[in-house]
Amino acid sequence: PGAGLVVAGGERGRVFLWDPAADTLRELPGHRAAVWDLAVSPDGKYLLSVSLDATARLWELPQGYPVAVLSHAAPLRLGAFSTDGFLTVSERGDVVHWNLGELLGLRPRITRVAYSSQVKVGRTQYVSVFFTDADANVSRAVLRLVQGRKTDISVSPGLDFPLGVYGRRRGSFLFSVALKTPTEVVLELYLVDARGLWSPPYELHLGPR
């Protein structure tokens, strides 16, 4: 892909994004079976991975942010970009066309994040998240650790939890993060809807200042 990146997939469902210039290797988690094909959009902005777990995953480059997890009825063997989106082909020969612009327009959006007073050692900080969703079907929130160790924090209700927000285009929810050591922790927050579309990430910085 563009910017000199190298992508690779493997039998255990692992996708890797390697930046030779920066000498960094990032694993893109999620697939539960062998990754059978990879494709990069003509503009170099998106990576498509298809797997025998019957899902196609769309990633934003160069960071590798998840964009969508698209479920199919059968294991997938082939993925390719077209002029307005991308195609997936299952082992049964089923071909599905996805319109990239429509998918991006339907992604949930985090509109605002509010923190309680700055967390101190042994204290809990509460985080309020406000969002909009085109079809009002946000189903869960996902937190990924970018900086720090999992042993440094305790998140309630967890790093991946259902929201149960239905029937409205705007919503909010609350979660808490407790720091166990005096260190800075950085988390990426995503919202995921029932179709498998992921919001753009929101970066949370927690810890002593």
N, C-alpha and C. Protein backbone atom coordinates (compact mmCIF):
# COMPACT_ATOMS: atom_id res chain seq x y z
N PRO A 1 0.82 -1.21 0.00
CA PRO A 1 0.00 0.00 0.00
C PRO A 1 0.85 1.26 0.00
N GLY A 2 0.18 2.42 0.03
CA GLY A 2 0.91 3.68 0.02
C GLY A 2 1.74 3.86 1.26
N ALA A 3 2.60 4.87 1.23
CA ALA A 3 3.47 5.24 2.35
C ALA A 3 4.46 4.14 2.71
N GLY A 4 4.73 3.20 1.78
CA GLY A 4 5.73 2.19 2.00
C GLY A 4 5.36 1.13 3.01
N LEU A 5 4.07 0.93 3.28
CA LEU A 5 3.63 -0.07 4.24
C LEU A 5 3.59 -1.46 3.61
N VAL A 6 3.76 -2.47 4.46
CA VAL A 6 3.68 -3.86 4.02
C VAL A 6 2.61 -4.55 4.87
N VAL A 7 1.69 -5.29 4.23
CA VAL A 7 0.64 -6.00 4.97
C VAL A 7 0.78 -7.49 4.71
N ALA A 8 0.38 -8.28 5.71
CA ALA A 8 0.46 -9.73 5.59
C ALA A 8 -0.63 -10.37 6.43
N GLY A 9 -1.11 -11.53 5.99
CA GLY A 9 -2.11 -12.28 6.74
C GLY A 9 -1.65 -13.71 6.91
N GLY A 10 -2.23 -14.40 7.92
CA GLY A 10 -1.76 -15.75 8.21
C GLY A 10 -2.86 -16.73 8.51
N GLU A 11 -2.45 -17.99 8.75
CA GLU A 11 -3.39 -19.08 8.96
C GLU A 11 -4.15 -18.96 10.28
N ARG A 12 -3.62 -18.26 11.24
CA ARG A 12 -4.26 -18.14 12.55
C ARG A 12 -5.14 -16.91 12.67
N GLY A 13 -5.49 -16.30 11.56
CA GLY A 13 -6.37 -15.15 11.58
C GLY A 13 -5.68 -13.84 11.88
N ARG A 14 -4.37 -13.83 11.81
CA ARG A 14 -3.61 -12.63 12.17
C ARG A 14 -3.31 -11.80 10.93
N VAL A 15 -3.48 -10.48 11.07
CA VAL A 15 -3.14 -9.52 10.02
C VAL A 15 -2.10 -8.58 10.60
N PHE A 16 -1.03 -8.35 9.84
CA PHE A 16 0.06 -7.50 10.32
C PHE A 16 0.26 -6.32 9.37
N LEU A 17 0.59 -5.19 9.96
CA LEU A 17 0.87 -3.96 9.23
C LEU A 17 2.28 -3.52 9.62
N TRP A 18 3.19 -3.56 8.66
CA TRP A 18 4.60 -3.26 8.94
C TRP A 18 5.00 -1.98 8.23
N ASP A 19 5.61 -1.08 8.99
CA ASP A 19 6.16 0.16 8.44
C ASP A 19 7.68 0.04 8.47
N PRO A 20 8.32 -0.29 7.34
CA PRO A 20 9.78 -0.48 7.34
C PRO A 20 10.54 0.78 7.72
N ALA A 21 10.03 1.95 7.32
CA ALA A 21 10.75 3.20 7.60
C ALA A 21 10.84 3.46 9.10
N ALA A 22 9.72 3.21 9.81
CA ALA A 22 9.70 3.44 11.26
C ALA A 22 10.07 2.18 12.03
N ASP A 23 10.21 1.06 11.32
CA ASP A 23 10.52 -0.23 11.93
C ASP A 23 9.50 -0.58 13.01
N THR A 24 8.20 -0.42 12.67
CA THR A 24 7.12 -0.76 13.59
C THR A 24 6.24 -1.84 12.97
N LEU A 25 5.77 -2.74 13.80
CA LEU A 25 4.90 -3.82 13.37
C LEU A 25 3.65 -3.80 14.24
N ARG A 26 2.49 -3.67 13.61
CA ARG A 26 1.23 -3.63 14.35
C ARG A 26 0.35 -4.80 13.92
N GLU A 27 -0.17 -5.51 14.90
CA GLU A 27 -1.11 -6.59 14.60
C GLU A 27 -2.53 -6.04 14.61
N LEU A 28 -3.31 -6.41 13.60
CA LEU A 28 -4.71 -6.01 13.50
C LEU A 28 -5.56 -7.21 13.91
N PRO A 29 -6.08 -7.23 15.13
CA PRO A 29 -6.75 -8.42 15.65
C PRO A 29 -8.20 -8.52 15.19
N GLY A 30 -8.76 -9.73 15.30
CA GLY A 30 -10.18 -9.89 15.05
C GLY A 30 -10.57 -11.17 14.35
N HIS A 31 -9.88 -11.53 13.27
CA HIS A 31 -10.25 -12.75 12.54
C HIS A 31 -10.02 -13.98 13.42
N ARG A 32 -10.92 -14.97 13.28
CA ARG A 32 -10.85 -16.17 14.10
C ARG A 32 -10.47 -17.41 13.30
N ALA A 33 -10.15 -17.22 12.04
CA ALA A 33 -9.70 -18.32 11.19
C ALA A 33 -8.74 -17.73 10.16
N ALA A 34 -8.20 -18.58 9.31
CA ALA A 34 -7.17 -18.15 8.36
C ALA A 34 -7.61 -16.97 7.52
N VAL A 35 -6.70 -16.02 7.35
CA VAL A 35 -6.92 -14.89 6.44
C VAL A 35 -6.53 -15.35 5.04
N TRP A 36 -7.51 -15.34 4.12
CA TRP A 36 -7.30 -15.96 2.82
C TRP A 36 -6.88 -14.96 1.75
N ASP A 37 -7.24 -13.68 1.93
CA ASP A 37 -6.88 -12.70 0.91
C ASP A 37 -6.82 -11.31 1.53
N LEU A 38 -5.98 -10.46 0.95
CA LEU A 38 -5.84 -9.06 1.35
C LEU A 38 -5.90 -8.19 0.11
N ALA A 39 -6.48 -7.00 0.25
CA ALA A 39 -6.52 -6.05 -0.85
C ALA A 39 -6.42 -4.64 -0.29
N VAL A 40 -5.79 -3.75 -1.05
CA VAL A 40 -5.64 -2.35 -0.66
C VAL A 40 -6.36 -1.49 -1.68
N SER A 41 -7.10 -0.49 -1.20
CA SER A 41 -7.84 0.40 -2.09
C SER A 41 -6.89 1.16 -3.01
N PRO A 42 -7.36 1.57 -4.19
CA PRO A 42 -6.48 2.27 -5.14
C PRO A 42 -5.83 3.53 -4.57
N ASP A 43 -6.52 4.22 -3.64
CA ASP A 43 -5.94 5.43 -3.05
C ASP A 43 -5.05 5.13 -1.85
N GLY A 44 -4.92 3.85 -1.48
CA GLY A 44 -4.06 3.46 -0.37
C GLY A 44 -4.60 3.78 1.00
N LYS A 45 -5.90 4.13 1.11
CA LYS A 45 -6.46 4.55 2.40
C LYS A 45 -7.08 3.40 3.18
N TYR A 46 -7.39 2.28 2.52
CA TYR A 46 -8.11 1.21 3.20
C TYR A 46 -7.52 -0.15 2.85
N LEU A 47 -7.56 -1.04 3.83
CA LEU A 47 -7.13 -2.43 3.67
C LEU A 47 -8.34 -3.33 3.88
N LEU A 48 -8.51 -4.31 3.01
CA LEU A 48 -9.58 -5.30 3.14
C LEU A 48 -8.95 -6.66 3.42
N SER A 49 -9.43 -7.33 4.46
CA SER A 49 -8.98 -8.70 4.75
C SER A 49 -10.19 -9.61 4.76
N VAL A 50 -10.09 -10.76 4.09
CA VAL A 50 -11.18 -11.74 4.07
C VAL A 50 -10.68 -13.04 4.66
N SER A 51 -11.59 -13.75 5.33
CA SER A 51 -11.15 -14.90 6.14
C SER A 51 -12.10 -16.07 6.02
N LEU A 52 -11.59 -17.23 6.39
CA LEU A 52 -12.42 -18.43 6.45
C LEU A 52 -13.39 -18.39 7.63
N ASP A 53 -13.32 -17.36 8.48
CA ASP A 53 -14.31 -17.20 9.55
C ASP A 53 -15.59 -16.55 9.04
N ALA A 54 -15.69 -16.36 7.71
CA ALA A 54 -16.88 -15.81 7.05
C ALA A 54 -17.07 -14.32 7.32
N THR A 55 -15.99 -13.61 7.60
CA THR A 55 -16.07 -12.16 7.75
C THR A 55 -15.06 -11.48 6.85
N ALA A 56 -15.44 -10.28 6.42
CA ALA A 56 -14.52 -9.37 5.76
C ALA A 56 -14.32 -8.19 6.70
N ARG A 57 -13.07 -7.79 6.88
CA ARG A 57 -12.77 -6.67 7.76
C ARG A 57 -12.11 -5.56 6.95
N LEU A 58 -12.60 -4.34 7.21
CA LEU A 58 -12.07 -3.16 6.53
C LEU A 58 -11.30 -2.34 7.55
N TRP A 59 -10.09 -1.92 7.17
CA TRP A 59 -9.20 -1.18 8.06
C TRP A 59 -8.80 0.13 7.40
N GLU A 60 -8.59 1.15 8.22
CA GLU A 60 -8.13 2.44 7.72
C GLU A 60 -6.61 2.51 7.82
N LEU A 61 -5.98 2.88 6.73
CA LEU A 61 -4.52 3.01 6.68
C LEU A 61 -4.11 4.48 6.78
N PRO A 62 -2.93 4.78 7.33
CA PRO A 62 -1.86 3.84 7.67
C PRO A 62 -1.92 3.31 9.11
N GLN A 63 -2.87 3.81 9.93
CA GLN A 63 -2.87 3.43 11.35
C GLN A 63 -3.39 2.03 11.60
N GLY A 64 -4.23 1.50 10.70
CA GLY A 64 -4.83 0.19 10.93
C GLY A 64 -6.07 0.25 11.80
N TYR A 65 -6.77 1.39 11.82
CA TYR A 65 -8.00 1.50 12.61
C TYR A 65 -9.09 0.62 11.99
N PRO A 66 -9.88 -0.11 12.80
CA PRO A 66 -10.99 -0.89 12.25
C PRO A 66 -12.11 0.02 11.76
N VAL A 67 -12.68 -0.31 10.62
CA VAL A 67 -13.78 0.45 10.03
C VAL A 67 -15.06 -0.37 10.02
N ALA A 68 -14.96 -1.65 9.63
CA ALA A 68 -16.16 -2.49 9.53
C ALA A 68 -15.79 -3.96 9.65
N VAL A 69 -16.72 -4.73 10.22
CA VAL A 69 -16.64 -6.19 10.24
C VAL A 69 -17.93 -6.69 9.58
N LEU A 70 -17.82 -7.26 8.39
CA LEU A 70 -18.98 -7.60 7.58
C LEU A 70 -19.13 -9.12 7.52
N SER A 71 -20.24 -9.61 8.06
CA SER A 71 -20.47 -11.06 8.15
C SER A 71 -21.08 -11.59 6.86
N HIS A 72 -20.72 -12.83 6.53
CA HIS A 72 -21.22 -13.51 5.35
C HIS A 72 -21.76 -14.89 5.75
N ALA A 73 -22.43 -15.53 4.81
CA ALA A 73 -23.04 -16.83 5.09
C ALA A 73 -22.06 -17.99 4.96
N ALA A 74 -20.91 -17.75 4.33
CA ALA A 74 -19.95 -18.83 4.09
C ALA A 74 -18.54 -18.27 4.19
N PRO A 75 -17.55 -19.13 4.42
CA PRO A 75 -16.15 -18.68 4.45
C PRO A 75 -15.77 -17.93 3.18
N LEU A 76 -14.90 -16.94 3.33
CA LEU A 76 -14.52 -16.09 2.21
C LEU A 76 -13.16 -16.49 1.65
N ARG A 77 -13.04 -16.37 0.33
CA ARG A 77 -11.81 -16.75 -0.36
C ARG A 77 -11.15 -15.59 -1.09
N LEU A 78 -11.91 -14.54 -1.42
CA LEU A 78 -11.36 -13.49 -2.27
C LEU A 78 -11.97 -12.14 -1.91
N GLY A 79 -11.14 -11.10 -1.97
CA GLY A 79 -11.61 -9.74 -1.78
C GLY A 79 -10.88 -8.82 -2.75
N ALA A 80 -11.59 -7.84 -3.29
CA ALA A 80 -10.97 -6.92 -4.25
C ALA A 80 -11.73 -5.61 -4.25
N PHE A 81 -11.02 -4.52 -4.48
CA PHE A 81 -11.64 -3.21 -4.56
C PHE A 81 -12.12 -2.94 -5.98
N SER A 82 -13.24 -2.20 -6.07
CA SER A 82 -13.79 -1.78 -7.36
C SER A 82 -13.75 -0.26 -7.42
N THR A 83 -14.37 0.32 -8.43
CA THR A 83 -14.32 1.78 -8.57
C THR A 83 -15.10 2.50 -7.47
N ASP A 84 -16.13 1.87 -6.91
CA ASP A 84 -16.94 2.54 -5.89
C ASP A 84 -17.03 1.77 -4.58
N GLY A 85 -16.24 0.73 -4.43
CA GLY A 85 -16.31 -0.05 -3.19
C GLY A 85 -15.42 -1.26 -3.26
N PHE A 86 -15.96 -2.40 -2.83
CA PHE A 86 -15.16 -3.62 -2.88
C PHE A 86 -16.07 -4.83 -3.00
N LEU A 87 -15.48 -5.95 -3.44
CA LEU A 87 -16.19 -7.20 -3.65
C LEU A 87 -15.64 -8.26 -2.71
N THR A 88 -16.53 -9.15 -2.25
CA THR A 88 -16.10 -10.33 -1.51
C THR A 88 -16.68 -11.56 -2.18
N VAL A 89 -15.89 -12.63 -2.21
CA VAL A 89 -16.31 -13.87 -2.86
C VAL A 89 -16.15 -15.01 -1.86
N SER A 90 -17.23 -15.77 -1.65
CA SER A 90 -17.19 -16.88 -0.69
C SER A 90 -16.73 -18.15 -1.39
N GLU A 91 -16.46 -19.19 -0.59
CA GLU A 91 -16.03 -20.46 -1.17
C GLU A 91 -17.16 -21.15 -1.93
N ARG A 92 -18.42 -20.69 -1.73
CA ARG A 92 -19.55 -21.21 -2.51
C ARG A 92 -19.73 -20.47 -3.83
N GLY A 93 -18.92 -19.42 -4.04
CA GLY A 93 -19.03 -18.64 -5.25
C GLY A 93 -19.94 -17.44 -5.14
N ASP A 94 -20.48 -17.17 -3.95
CA ASP A 94 -21.33 -15.99 -3.76
C ASP A 94 -20.49 -14.73 -3.83
N VAL A 95 -20.96 -13.75 -4.60
CA VAL A 95 -20.26 -12.47 -4.75
C VAL A 95 -21.12 -11.36 -4.14
N VAL A 96 -20.53 -10.57 -3.25
CA VAL A 96 -21.24 -9.45 -2.62
C VAL A 96 -20.47 -8.17 -2.91
N HIS A 97 -21.20 -7.15 -3.34
CA HIS A 97 -20.58 -5.84 -3.60
C HIS A 97 -20.95 -4.90 -2.46
N TRP A 98 -19.96 -4.20 -1.93
CA TRP A 98 -20.17 -3.24 -0.85
C TRP A 98 -19.80 -1.85 -1.36
N ASN A 99 -20.69 -0.89 -1.15
CA ASN A 99 -20.43 0.49 -1.53
C ASN A 99 -19.65 1.17 -0.40
N LEU A 100 -18.42 1.54 -0.66
CA LEU A 100 -17.55 2.07 0.38
C LEU A 100 -18.08 3.39 0.92
N GLY A 101 -18.52 4.28 0.04
CA GLY A 101 -19.03 5.58 0.49
C GLY A 101 -20.22 5.45 1.41
N GLU A 102 -21.14 4.53 1.09
CA GLU A 102 -22.31 4.33 1.94
C GLU A 102 -21.92 3.79 3.30
N LEU A 103 -21.00 2.84 3.33
CA LEU A 103 -20.56 2.29 4.61
C LEU A 103 -19.94 3.37 5.49
N LEU A 104 -19.08 4.19 4.92
CA LEU A 104 -18.42 5.23 5.70
C LEU A 104 -19.43 6.24 6.23
N GLY A 105 -20.47 6.54 5.45
CA GLY A 105 -21.47 7.50 5.87
C GLY A 105 -22.37 7.00 6.98
N LEU A 106 -22.47 5.68 7.15
CA LEU A 106 -23.34 5.09 8.16
C LEU A 106 -22.63 4.81 9.47
N ARG A 107 -21.33 5.04 9.54
CA ARG A 107 -20.59 4.74 10.77
C ARG A 107 -21.10 5.59 11.94
N PRO A 108 -21.20 5.00 13.14
CA PRO A 108 -21.53 5.82 14.31
C PRO A 108 -20.42 6.82 14.58
N ARG A 109 -20.77 7.93 15.25
CA ARG A 109 -19.81 9.00 15.50
C ARG A 109 -19.82 9.38 16.97
N ILE A 110 -18.65 9.44 17.56
CA ILE A 110 -18.51 9.97 18.92
C ILE A 110 -18.45 11.49 18.80
N THR A 111 -19.41 12.18 19.41
CA THR A 111 -19.49 13.63 19.26
C THR A 111 -18.82 14.38 20.40
N ARG A 112 -18.81 13.78 21.60
CA ARG A 112 -18.21 14.49 22.74
C ARG A 112 -17.86 13.49 23.83
N VAL A 113 -16.79 13.76 24.54
CA VAL A 113 -16.38 12.95 25.69
C VAL A 113 -16.10 13.89 26.85
N ALA A 114 -16.67 13.58 28.02
CA ALA A 114 -16.47 14.41 29.21
C ALA A 114 -15.87 13.56 30.32
N TYR A 115 -14.87 14.11 31.01
CA TYR A 115 -14.18 13.41 32.09
C TYR A 115 -14.61 13.99 33.44
N SER A 116 -14.60 13.15 34.46
CA SER A 116 -14.70 13.66 35.82
C SER A 116 -13.34 14.25 36.18
N SER A 117 -13.18 14.74 37.41
CA SER A 117 -11.91 15.33 37.82
C SER A 117 -10.77 14.35 37.61
N GLN A 118 -9.59 14.88 37.36
CA GLN A 118 -8.44 14.05 36.99
C GLN A 118 -8.20 12.93 38.00
N VAL A 119 -7.98 11.73 37.47
CA VAL A 119 -7.81 10.56 38.31
C VAL A 119 -6.52 10.67 39.13
N LYS A 120 -6.57 10.17 40.35
CA LYS A 120 -5.40 10.06 41.20
C LYS A 120 -5.15 8.59 41.50
N VAL A 121 -3.98 8.30 42.03
CA VAL A 121 -3.64 6.91 42.32
C VAL A 121 -4.68 6.32 43.27
N GLY A 122 -5.20 5.16 42.89
CA GLY A 122 -6.19 4.51 43.72
C GLY A 122 -7.59 5.08 43.59
N ARG A 123 -7.79 6.07 42.73
CA ARG A 123 -9.09 6.70 42.55
C ARG A 123 -9.64 6.35 41.17
N THR A 124 -10.93 6.51 41.02
CA THR A 124 -11.60 6.17 39.77
C THR A 124 -12.01 7.43 39.03
N GLN A 125 -11.81 7.43 37.72
CA GLN A 125 -12.26 8.53 36.88
C GLN A 125 -13.42 8.04 36.03
N TYR A 126 -14.47 8.86 35.96
CA TYR A 126 -15.65 8.52 35.18
C TYR A 126 -15.61 9.25 33.84
N VAL A 127 -15.98 8.53 32.79
CA VAL A 127 -15.93 9.07 31.44
C VAL A 127 -17.32 8.98 30.83
N SER A 128 -17.88 10.13 30.44
CA SER A 128 -19.18 10.18 29.77
C SER A 128 -18.96 10.35 28.27
N VAL A 129 -19.64 9.54 27.48
CA VAL A 129 -19.47 9.55 26.03
C VAL A 129 -20.81 9.87 25.38
N PHE A 130 -20.79 10.80 24.44
CA PHE A 130 -21.99 11.19 23.71
C PHE A 130 -21.77 10.87 22.23
N PHE A 131 -22.81 10.37 21.58
CA PHE A 131 -22.62 9.91 20.20
C PHE A 131 -23.90 10.07 19.39
N THR A 132 -23.73 9.99 18.07
CA THR A 132 -24.85 9.90 17.13
C THR A 132 -24.66 8.66 16.29
N ASP A 133 -25.77 8.12 15.83
CA ASP A 133 -25.75 6.91 15.00
C ASP A 133 -26.82 7.05 13.94
N ALA A 134 -26.46 6.89 12.68
CA ALA A 134 -27.39 7.12 11.58
C ALA A 134 -28.64 6.27 11.68
N ASP A 135 -28.51 5.04 12.16
CA ASP A 135 -29.67 4.14 12.26
C ASP A 135 -30.02 3.76 13.69
N ALA A 136 -29.45 4.44 14.66
CA ALA A 136 -29.78 4.22 16.08
C ALA A 136 -29.62 2.77 16.50
N ASN A 137 -28.53 2.12 16.12
CA ASN A 137 -28.36 0.72 16.51
C ASN A 137 -26.95 0.43 17.02
N VAL A 138 -26.34 1.39 17.70
CA VAL A 138 -25.06 1.13 18.35
C VAL A 138 -25.25 0.01 19.36
N SER A 139 -24.38 -0.99 19.31
CA SER A 139 -24.57 -2.17 20.15
C SER A 139 -23.53 -2.34 21.25
N ARG A 140 -22.30 -1.83 21.03
CA ARG A 140 -21.29 -2.03 22.06
C ARG A 140 -20.18 -1.00 21.94
N ALA A 141 -19.39 -0.91 23.02
CA ALA A 141 -18.21 -0.05 23.06
C ALA A 141 -16.98 -0.93 23.23
N VAL A 142 -15.90 -0.55 22.57
CA VAL A 142 -14.65 -1.30 22.64
C VAL A 142 -13.53 -0.34 23.01
N LEU A 143 -12.74 -0.72 24.01
CA LEU A 143 -11.57 0.06 24.42
C LEU A 143 -10.32 -0.76 24.14
N ARG A 144 -9.33 -0.11 23.51
CA ARG A 144 -8.07 -0.78 23.23
C ARG A 144 -6.93 0.01 23.85
N LEU A 145 -6.04 -0.71 24.49
CA LEU A 145 -4.92 -0.09 25.19
C LEU A 145 -3.83 0.27 24.18
N VAL A 146 -3.49 1.56 24.12
CA VAL A 146 -2.45 2.05 23.21
C VAL A 146 -1.14 2.27 23.95
N GLN A 147 -1.24 2.82 25.16
CA GLN A 147 -0.05 3.07 25.97
C GLN A 147 -0.34 2.64 27.40
N GLY A 148 0.57 1.90 28.00
CA GLY A 148 0.38 1.39 29.34
C GLY A 148 0.20 -0.12 29.32
N ARG A 149 -0.04 -0.69 30.50
CA ARG A 149 -0.23 -2.13 30.63
C ARG A 149 -1.62 -2.42 31.17
N LYS A 150 -2.16 -3.57 30.79
CA LYS A 150 -3.49 -3.94 31.28
C LYS A 150 -3.51 -4.06 32.81
N THR A 151 -2.37 -4.39 33.39
CA THR A 151 -2.31 -4.51 34.85
C THR A 151 -2.35 -3.14 35.54
N ASP A 152 -2.21 -2.04 34.76
CA ASP A 152 -2.22 -0.70 35.35
C ASP A 152 -3.64 -0.17 35.56
N ILE A 153 -4.63 -0.79 34.91
CA ILE A 153 -5.97 -0.21 34.93
C ILE A 153 -7.03 -1.27 35.24
N SER A 154 -8.17 -0.77 35.68
CA SER A 154 -9.36 -1.59 35.83
C SER A 154 -10.52 -0.80 35.22
N VAL A 155 -11.16 -1.36 34.21
CA VAL A 155 -12.23 -0.67 33.50
C VAL A 155 -13.56 -1.34 33.83
N SER A 156 -14.54 -0.53 34.19
CA SER A 156 -15.88 -1.05 34.48
C SER A 156 -16.89 -0.41 33.53
N PRO A 157 -17.65 -1.23 32.78
CA PRO A 157 -17.86 -2.67 32.93
C PRO A 157 -16.86 -3.56 32.21
N GLY A 158 -15.87 -3.03 31.50
CA GLY A 158 -14.88 -3.87 30.84
C GLY A 158 -14.35 -3.19 29.59
N LEU A 159 -13.40 -3.86 28.92
CA LEU A 159 -12.82 -3.31 27.71
C LEU A 159 -13.72 -3.49 26.49
N ASP A 160 -14.72 -4.35 26.60
CA ASP A 160 -15.65 -4.60 25.49
C ASP A 160 -17.00 -4.89 26.13
N PHE A 161 -17.96 -3.96 26.00
CA PHE A 161 -19.22 -4.14 26.72
C PHE A 161 -20.40 -3.66 25.89
N PRO A 162 -21.57 -4.31 26.04
CA PRO A 162 -22.78 -3.91 25.31
C PRO A 162 -23.35 -2.62 25.88
N LEU A 163 -23.97 -1.82 25.00
CA LEU A 163 -24.54 -0.55 25.44
C LEU A 163 -26.03 -0.63 25.68
N GLY A 164 -26.74 -1.42 24.88
CA GLY A 164 -28.18 -1.50 25.05
C GLY A 164 -28.89 -0.20 24.74
N VAL A 165 -28.41 0.57 23.76
CA VAL A 165 -29.04 1.82 23.36
C VAL A 165 -29.83 1.56 22.09
N TYR A 166 -31.14 1.74 22.15
CA TYR A 166 -31.99 1.43 21.00
C TYR A 166 -33.01 2.55 20.78
N GLY A 167 -33.44 2.70 19.53
CA GLY A 167 -34.59 3.55 19.23
C GLY A 167 -34.34 5.04 19.24
N ARG A 168 -33.10 5.49 19.23
CA ARG A 168 -32.86 6.92 19.16
C ARG A 168 -31.53 7.18 18.45
N ARG A 169 -31.47 8.33 17.79
CA ARG A 169 -30.29 8.65 16.99
C ARG A 169 -29.16 9.24 17.82
N ARG A 170 -29.48 9.76 18.98
CA ARG A 170 -28.45 10.33 19.84
C ARG A 170 -28.48 9.62 21.18
N GLY A 171 -27.34 9.37 21.74
CA GLY A 171 -27.30 8.66 23.00
C GLY A 171 -26.06 9.01 23.79
N SER A 172 -25.96 8.43 24.97
CA SER A 172 -24.79 8.63 25.81
C SER A 172 -24.65 7.43 26.73
N PHE A 173 -23.46 7.24 27.25
CA PHE A 173 -23.23 6.18 28.23
C PHE A 173 -22.04 6.58 29.09
N LEU A 174 -21.85 5.83 30.16
CA LEU A 174 -20.83 6.15 31.15
C LEU A 174 -20.03 4.90 31.48
N PHE A 175 -18.72 5.05 31.61
CA PHE A 175 -17.91 3.96 32.13
C PHE A 175 -16.84 4.56 33.03
N SER A 176 -16.14 3.72 33.76
CA SER A 176 -15.13 4.21 34.70
C SER A 176 -13.80 3.50 34.48
N VAL A 177 -12.73 4.22 34.78
CA VAL A 177 -11.38 3.68 34.68
C VAL A 177 -10.66 3.97 36.00
N ALA A 178 -10.14 2.93 36.63
CA ALA A 178 -9.37 3.10 37.87
C ALA A 178 -7.91 2.78 37.57
N LEU A 179 -7.02 3.71 37.90
CA LEU A 179 -5.59 3.48 37.73
C LEU A 179 -5.03 2.82 38.98
N LYS A 180 -4.25 1.77 38.77
CA LYS A 180 -3.65 1.05 39.89
C LYS A 180 -2.25 1.55 40.21
N THR A 181 -1.61 2.23 39.24
CA THR A 181 -0.26 2.76 39.44
C THR A 181 -0.22 4.19 38.91
N PRO A 182 0.69 5.02 39.41
CA PRO A 182 0.78 6.42 38.95
C PRO A 182 1.45 6.52 37.58
N THR A 183 0.73 6.19 36.55
CA THR A 183 1.28 6.20 35.21
C THR A 183 0.24 6.72 34.24
N GLU A 184 0.69 7.22 33.09
CA GLU A 184 -0.25 7.67 32.08
C GLU A 184 -0.68 6.49 31.21
N VAL A 185 -1.97 6.42 30.96
CA VAL A 185 -2.54 5.37 30.14
C VAL A 185 -3.30 6.01 28.98
N VAL A 186 -3.12 5.47 27.79
CA VAL A 186 -3.83 5.96 26.61
C VAL A 186 -4.69 4.83 26.06
N LEU A 187 -5.98 5.11 25.87
CA LEU A 187 -6.93 4.14 25.34
C LEU A 187 -7.55 4.67 24.06
N GLU A 188 -7.86 3.77 23.13
CA GLU A 188 -8.68 4.10 21.97
C GLU A 188 -10.09 3.61 22.23
N LEU A 189 -11.07 4.48 22.06
CA LEU A 189 -12.47 4.14 22.26
C LEU A 189 -13.17 4.05 20.91
N TYR A 190 -13.90 2.95 20.70
CA TYR A 190 -14.69 2.75 19.49
C TYR A 190 -16.13 2.42 19.87
N LEU A 191 -17.06 2.80 19.00
CA LEU A 191 -18.43 2.33 19.09
C LEU A 191 -18.68 1.40 17.90
N VAL A 192 -19.43 0.32 18.13
CA VAL A 192 -19.71 -0.66 17.09
C VAL A 192 -21.22 -0.82 16.99
N ASP A 193 -21.76 -0.78 15.76
CA ASP A 193 -23.20 -0.95 15.61
C ASP A 193 -23.55 -2.37 15.19
N ALA A 194 -24.84 -2.63 15.08
CA ALA A 194 -25.31 -3.99 14.82
C ALA A 194 -24.91 -4.51 13.45
N ARG A 195 -24.56 -3.62 12.52
CA ARG A 195 -24.12 -4.05 11.19
C ARG A 195 -22.64 -4.38 11.15
N GLY A 196 -21.92 -4.07 12.24
CA GLY A 196 -20.48 -4.30 12.26
C GLY A 196 -19.67 -3.09 11.86
N LEU A 197 -20.28 -1.91 11.80
CA LEU A 197 -19.55 -0.69 11.47
C LEU A 197 -18.96 -0.08 12.74
N TRP A 198 -17.70 0.33 12.67
CA TRP A 198 -16.98 0.90 13.81
C TRP A 198 -16.87 2.41 13.63
N SER A 199 -16.99 3.13 14.74
CA SER A 199 -16.78 4.57 14.71
C SER A 199 -15.30 4.88 14.52
N PRO A 200 -14.98 6.08 14.03
CA PRO A 200 -13.58 6.51 14.11
C PRO A 200 -13.14 6.52 15.57
N PRO A 201 -11.88 6.24 15.85
CA PRO A 201 -11.44 6.13 17.25
C PRO A 201 -11.40 7.48 17.96
N TYR A 202 -11.62 7.43 19.26
CA TYR A 202 -11.43 8.61 20.12
C TYR A 202 -10.36 8.24 21.13
N GLU A 203 -9.31 9.03 21.22
CA GLU A 203 -8.18 8.72 22.09
C GLU A 203 -8.38 9.32 23.47
N LEU A 204 -8.30 8.48 24.49
CA LEU A 204 -8.47 8.90 25.88
C LEU A 204 -7.12 8.89 26.58
N HIS A 205 -6.77 10.00 27.22
CA HIS A 205 -5.53 10.11 27.99
C HIS A 205 -5.88 10.19 29.47
N LEU A 206 -5.43 9.22 30.24
CA LEU A 206 -5.74 9.15 31.66
C LEU A 206 -4.46 9.06 32.46
N GLY A 207 -4.50 9.61 33.67
CA GLY A 207 -3.34 9.50 34.54
C GLY A 207 -2.93 10.83 35.14
N PRO A 208 -1.91 10.81 35.96
CA PRO A 208 -1.47 12.03 36.65
C PRO A 208 -0.94 13.06 35.66
N ARG A 209 -1.22 14.31 35.92
CA ARG A 209 -0.74 15.41 35.08
C ARG A 209 0.15 16.35 35.90
